[in-house]
Amino acid sequence: MIFDGGSLVGLRPNAIVARGIARTFQSIRLFQNMTVLENVLVGEHCRLAASVPGAVLRPPAVIAEEGRARVRARELLAFVGLGARPRR
C-alpha cells in the first residue's frame, strides 16, 4: 500500500499514524463533557512529542507544542465547517 509516495507495507501501527493515517470504529464515542475543540485535540495526541514528565511540568517547549496542536485542531474544525463553534 502506498500513501503520499511512500510504502506502508510492514510498518508498525504507530509509524502509520505518524504519517497521517488513522481509523476509528464505526460507532465512535465522543467525550460528551468536552467541547468540540477538546475532542479534536484528543485526536492530535499522537502527533505530540511531550513525555509524561514534560506533560506534567509543562516547560515552554511543551506549551508551544500544545499551542500548535490547538491551531491545527481549529484548522481541522474550519475545514469541516465547525470553525465558528469550537466551544460547544
N, C-alpha and C. Protein backbone atom coordinates (compact mmCIF):
# COMPACT_ATOMS: atom_id res chain seq x y z
N MET A 1 0.85 -1.16 0.00
CA MET A 1 0.00 0.00 0.00
C MET A 1 0.91 1.23 0.00
N ILE A 2 0.58 2.19 -0.85
CA ILE A 2 1.35 3.42 -0.99
C ILE A 2 0.49 4.59 -0.53
N PHE A 3 1.07 5.46 0.28
CA PHE A 3 0.38 6.67 0.71
C PHE A 3 1.35 7.83 0.62
N ASP A 4 0.95 8.86 -0.07
CA ASP A 4 1.76 10.07 -0.22
C ASP A 4 3.17 9.75 -0.72
N GLY A 5 3.25 8.79 -1.65
CA GLY A 5 4.52 8.45 -2.27
C GLY A 5 5.39 7.48 -1.51
N GLY A 6 4.96 7.01 -0.34
CA GLY A 6 5.76 6.08 0.45
C GLY A 6 5.00 4.81 0.77
N SER A 7 5.72 3.70 0.86
CA SER A 7 5.10 2.42 1.17
C SER A 7 4.75 2.32 2.65
N LEU A 8 3.59 1.73 2.92
CA LEU A 8 3.16 1.48 4.30
C LEU A 8 3.33 0.01 4.68
N VAL A 9 3.74 -0.81 3.73
CA VAL A 9 3.86 -2.25 3.94
C VAL A 9 4.89 -2.53 5.03
N GLY A 10 4.48 -3.30 6.03
CA GLY A 10 5.38 -3.72 7.09
C GLY A 10 5.60 -2.70 8.20
N LEU A 11 5.00 -1.52 8.08
CA LEU A 11 5.19 -0.51 9.13
C LEU A 11 4.35 -0.85 10.35
N ARG A 12 4.86 -0.49 11.51
CA ARG A 12 4.10 -0.67 12.75
C ARG A 12 2.96 0.35 12.77
N PRO A 13 1.88 0.05 13.48
CA PRO A 13 0.74 0.97 13.51
C PRO A 13 1.10 2.40 13.91
N ASN A 14 2.00 2.57 14.89
CA ASN A 14 2.35 3.92 15.30
C ASN A 14 3.09 4.68 14.20
N ALA A 15 3.84 3.97 13.37
CA ALA A 15 4.52 4.62 12.24
C ALA A 15 3.52 5.03 11.17
N ILE A 16 2.48 4.24 10.98
CA ILE A 16 1.43 4.59 10.02
C ILE A 16 0.67 5.81 10.51
N VAL A 17 0.34 5.85 11.78
CA VAL A 17 -0.35 7.01 12.36
C VAL A 17 0.51 8.26 12.22
N ALA A 18 1.81 8.13 12.42
CA ALA A 18 2.71 9.28 12.30
C ALA A 18 2.71 9.85 10.89
N ARG A 19 2.34 9.04 9.91
CA ARG A 19 2.27 9.52 8.53
C ARG A 19 0.91 10.14 8.21
N GLY A 20 -0.01 10.11 9.18
CA GLY A 20 -1.29 10.80 9.00
C GLY A 20 -2.48 9.91 8.70
N ILE A 21 -2.33 8.61 8.90
CA ILE A 21 -3.43 7.69 8.64
C ILE A 21 -3.87 7.09 9.97
N ALA A 22 -5.15 7.12 10.22
CA ALA A 22 -5.71 6.51 11.42
C ALA A 22 -7.10 6.01 11.08
N ARG A 23 -7.65 5.22 11.94
CA ARG A 23 -9.01 4.75 11.72
C ARG A 23 -9.79 4.81 13.02
N THR A 24 -11.08 4.85 12.86
CA THR A 24 -11.96 4.77 14.02
C THR A 24 -12.95 3.64 13.75
N PHE A 25 -13.54 3.16 14.79
CA PHE A 25 -14.61 2.20 14.62
C PHE A 25 -15.85 2.95 14.16
N GLN A 26 -16.79 2.26 13.56
CA GLN A 26 -17.97 2.93 13.03
C GLN A 26 -18.80 3.59 14.12
N SER A 27 -18.77 3.08 15.31
CA SER A 27 -19.55 3.67 16.39
C SER A 27 -18.61 4.46 17.31
N ILE A 28 -18.09 5.57 16.78
CA ILE A 28 -17.17 6.38 17.59
C ILE A 28 -17.92 6.98 18.77
N ARG A 29 -17.21 7.22 19.81
CA ARG A 29 -17.78 7.84 21.00
C ARG A 29 -17.02 9.13 21.27
N LEU A 30 -17.75 10.21 21.36
CA LEU A 30 -17.14 11.48 21.72
C LEU A 30 -17.22 11.64 23.22
N PHE A 31 -16.37 12.48 23.75
CA PHE A 31 -16.42 12.80 25.17
C PHE A 31 -17.47 13.89 25.33
N GLN A 32 -18.63 13.52 25.84
CA GLN A 32 -19.75 14.46 25.88
C GLN A 32 -19.54 15.63 26.82
N ASN A 33 -18.67 15.49 27.80
CA ASN A 33 -18.42 16.59 28.73
C ASN A 33 -17.30 17.50 28.25
N MET A 34 -16.84 17.28 27.01
CA MET A 34 -15.77 18.10 26.44
C MET A 34 -16.30 18.86 25.23
N THR A 35 -15.64 19.97 24.91
CA THR A 35 -16.04 20.76 23.75
C THR A 35 -15.61 20.06 22.46
N VAL A 36 -16.12 20.58 21.34
CA VAL A 36 -15.72 20.06 20.03
C VAL A 36 -14.20 20.19 19.88
N LEU A 37 -13.68 21.34 20.24
CA LEU A 37 -12.24 21.57 20.13
C LEU A 37 -11.46 20.56 20.98
N GLU A 38 -11.89 20.33 22.19
CA GLU A 38 -11.20 19.37 23.07
C GLU A 38 -11.25 17.96 22.50
N ASN A 39 -12.38 17.58 21.90
CA ASN A 39 -12.48 16.26 21.28
C ASN A 39 -11.51 16.12 20.12
N VAL A 40 -11.35 17.16 19.31
CA VAL A 40 -10.39 17.11 18.21
C VAL A 40 -8.97 17.06 18.76
N LEU A 41 -8.71 17.79 19.83
CA LEU A 41 -7.37 17.76 20.43
C LEU A 41 -7.00 16.37 20.93
N VAL A 42 -7.98 15.60 21.37
CA VAL A 42 -7.70 14.22 21.78
C VAL A 42 -7.09 13.45 20.61
N GLY A 43 -7.60 13.70 19.41
CA GLY A 43 -7.06 13.04 18.23
C GLY A 43 -5.68 13.52 17.83
N GLU A 44 -5.30 14.68 18.29
CA GLU A 44 -3.98 15.24 17.97
C GLU A 44 -2.88 14.66 18.87
N HIS A 45 -3.25 13.94 19.92
CA HIS A 45 -2.25 13.47 20.88
C HIS A 45 -1.16 12.63 20.24
N CYS A 46 -1.49 11.89 19.18
CA CYS A 46 -0.49 11.01 18.57
C CYS A 46 0.60 11.80 17.85
N ARG A 47 0.39 13.09 17.64
CA ARG A 47 1.38 13.92 16.97
C ARG A 47 2.24 14.72 17.95
N LEU A 48 1.94 14.63 19.23
CA LEU A 48 2.68 15.39 20.23
C LEU A 48 3.88 14.58 20.72
N ALA A 49 4.96 15.27 20.99
CA ALA A 49 6.20 14.60 21.39
C ALA A 49 6.47 14.67 22.89
N ALA A 50 5.64 15.35 23.65
CA ALA A 50 5.90 15.54 25.08
C ALA A 50 5.90 14.20 25.82
N SER A 51 6.84 14.06 26.71
CA SER A 51 6.90 12.89 27.58
C SER A 51 5.92 13.09 28.73
N VAL A 52 5.74 12.07 29.54
CA VAL A 52 4.86 12.22 30.71
C VAL A 52 5.38 13.31 31.64
N PRO A 53 6.69 13.31 31.99
CA PRO A 53 7.17 14.40 32.84
C PRO A 53 6.99 15.77 32.18
N GLY A 54 7.22 15.84 30.87
CA GLY A 54 7.04 17.10 30.17
C GLY A 54 5.60 17.57 30.20
N ALA A 55 4.67 16.62 30.05
CA ALA A 55 3.25 16.98 30.09
C ALA A 55 2.84 17.47 31.48
N VAL A 56 3.47 16.93 32.51
CA VAL A 56 3.15 17.35 33.88
C VAL A 56 3.81 18.69 34.21
N LEU A 57 5.09 18.83 33.87
CA LEU A 57 5.84 20.04 34.23
C LEU A 57 5.59 21.20 33.26
N ARG A 58 5.18 20.88 32.04
CA ARG A 58 4.82 21.86 31.01
C ARG A 58 5.88 22.95 30.79
N PRO A 59 7.08 22.55 30.38
CA PRO A 59 8.09 23.55 30.03
C PRO A 59 7.66 24.31 28.77
N PRO A 60 8.34 25.41 28.45
CA PRO A 60 7.94 26.23 27.30
C PRO A 60 7.79 25.45 25.99
N ALA A 61 8.64 24.47 25.75
CA ALA A 61 8.54 23.69 24.51
C ALA A 61 7.22 22.93 24.43
N VAL A 62 6.77 22.39 25.56
CA VAL A 62 5.51 21.65 25.59
C VAL A 62 4.34 22.62 25.41
N ILE A 63 4.40 23.77 26.04
CA ILE A 63 3.34 24.77 25.89
C ILE A 63 3.24 25.21 24.43
N ALA A 64 4.38 25.40 23.78
CA ALA A 64 4.38 25.79 22.37
C ALA A 64 3.80 24.67 21.50
N GLU A 65 4.15 23.43 21.82
CA GLU A 65 3.62 22.30 21.06
C GLU A 65 2.10 22.20 21.22
N GLU A 66 1.61 22.41 22.43
CA GLU A 66 0.17 22.40 22.67
C GLU A 66 -0.52 23.52 21.89
N GLY A 67 0.13 24.66 21.81
CA GLY A 67 -0.41 25.78 21.04
C GLY A 67 -0.53 25.43 19.56
N ARG A 68 0.49 24.78 19.03
CA ARG A 68 0.44 24.35 17.62
C ARG A 68 -0.67 23.32 17.41
N ALA A 69 -0.87 22.45 18.39
CA ALA A 69 -1.95 21.45 18.28
C ALA A 69 -3.31 22.14 18.27
N ARG A 70 -3.47 23.18 19.08
CA ARG A 70 -4.73 23.93 19.08
C ARG A 70 -4.97 24.62 17.74
N VAL A 71 -3.93 25.19 17.17
CA VAL A 71 -4.05 25.83 15.85
C VAL A 71 -4.48 24.78 14.82
N ARG A 72 -3.84 23.63 14.83
CA ARG A 72 -4.17 22.56 13.89
C ARG A 72 -5.60 22.08 14.09
N ALA A 73 -6.03 21.92 15.33
CA ALA A 73 -7.39 21.48 15.62
C ALA A 73 -8.40 22.50 15.10
N ARG A 74 -8.13 23.77 15.28
CA ARG A 74 -9.03 24.81 14.77
C ARG A 74 -9.07 24.80 13.24
N GLU A 75 -7.93 24.54 12.60
CA GLU A 75 -7.90 24.43 11.14
C GLU A 75 -8.77 23.26 10.68
N LEU A 76 -8.68 22.14 11.38
CA LEU A 76 -9.48 20.98 11.02
C LEU A 76 -10.97 21.27 11.20
N LEU A 77 -11.32 21.94 12.28
CA LEU A 77 -12.72 22.30 12.51
C LEU A 77 -13.22 23.24 11.43
N ALA A 78 -12.42 24.19 11.03
CA ALA A 78 -12.81 25.11 9.96
C ALA A 78 -12.99 24.34 8.65
N PHE A 79 -12.13 23.37 8.40
CA PHE A 79 -12.20 22.57 7.17
C PHE A 79 -13.53 21.85 7.05
N VAL A 80 -14.08 21.38 8.17
CA VAL A 80 -15.36 20.65 8.13
C VAL A 80 -16.55 21.54 8.47
N GLY A 81 -16.32 22.85 8.52
CA GLY A 81 -17.42 23.79 8.73
C GLY A 81 -17.82 24.02 10.17
N LEU A 82 -16.97 23.64 11.11
CA LEU A 82 -17.28 23.83 12.53
C LEU A 82 -16.36 24.85 13.19
N GLY A 83 -15.67 25.63 12.39
CA GLY A 83 -14.70 26.58 12.94
C GLY A 83 -15.30 27.63 13.84
N ALA A 84 -16.55 27.97 13.62
CA ALA A 84 -17.19 29.01 14.43
C ALA A 84 -17.75 28.47 15.74
N ARG A 85 -17.68 27.14 15.95
CA ARG A 85 -18.31 26.56 17.14
C ARG A 85 -17.38 25.64 17.92
N PRO A 86 -16.15 26.04 18.17
CA PRO A 86 -15.21 25.11 18.83
C PRO A 86 -15.49 24.88 20.31
N ARG A 87 -16.28 25.72 20.94
CA ARG A 87 -16.50 25.57 22.39
C ARG A 87 -17.82 24.88 22.72
N ARG A 88 -18.49 24.35 21.76
CA ARG A 88 -19.76 23.66 22.02
C ARG A 88 -19.54 22.19 22.23
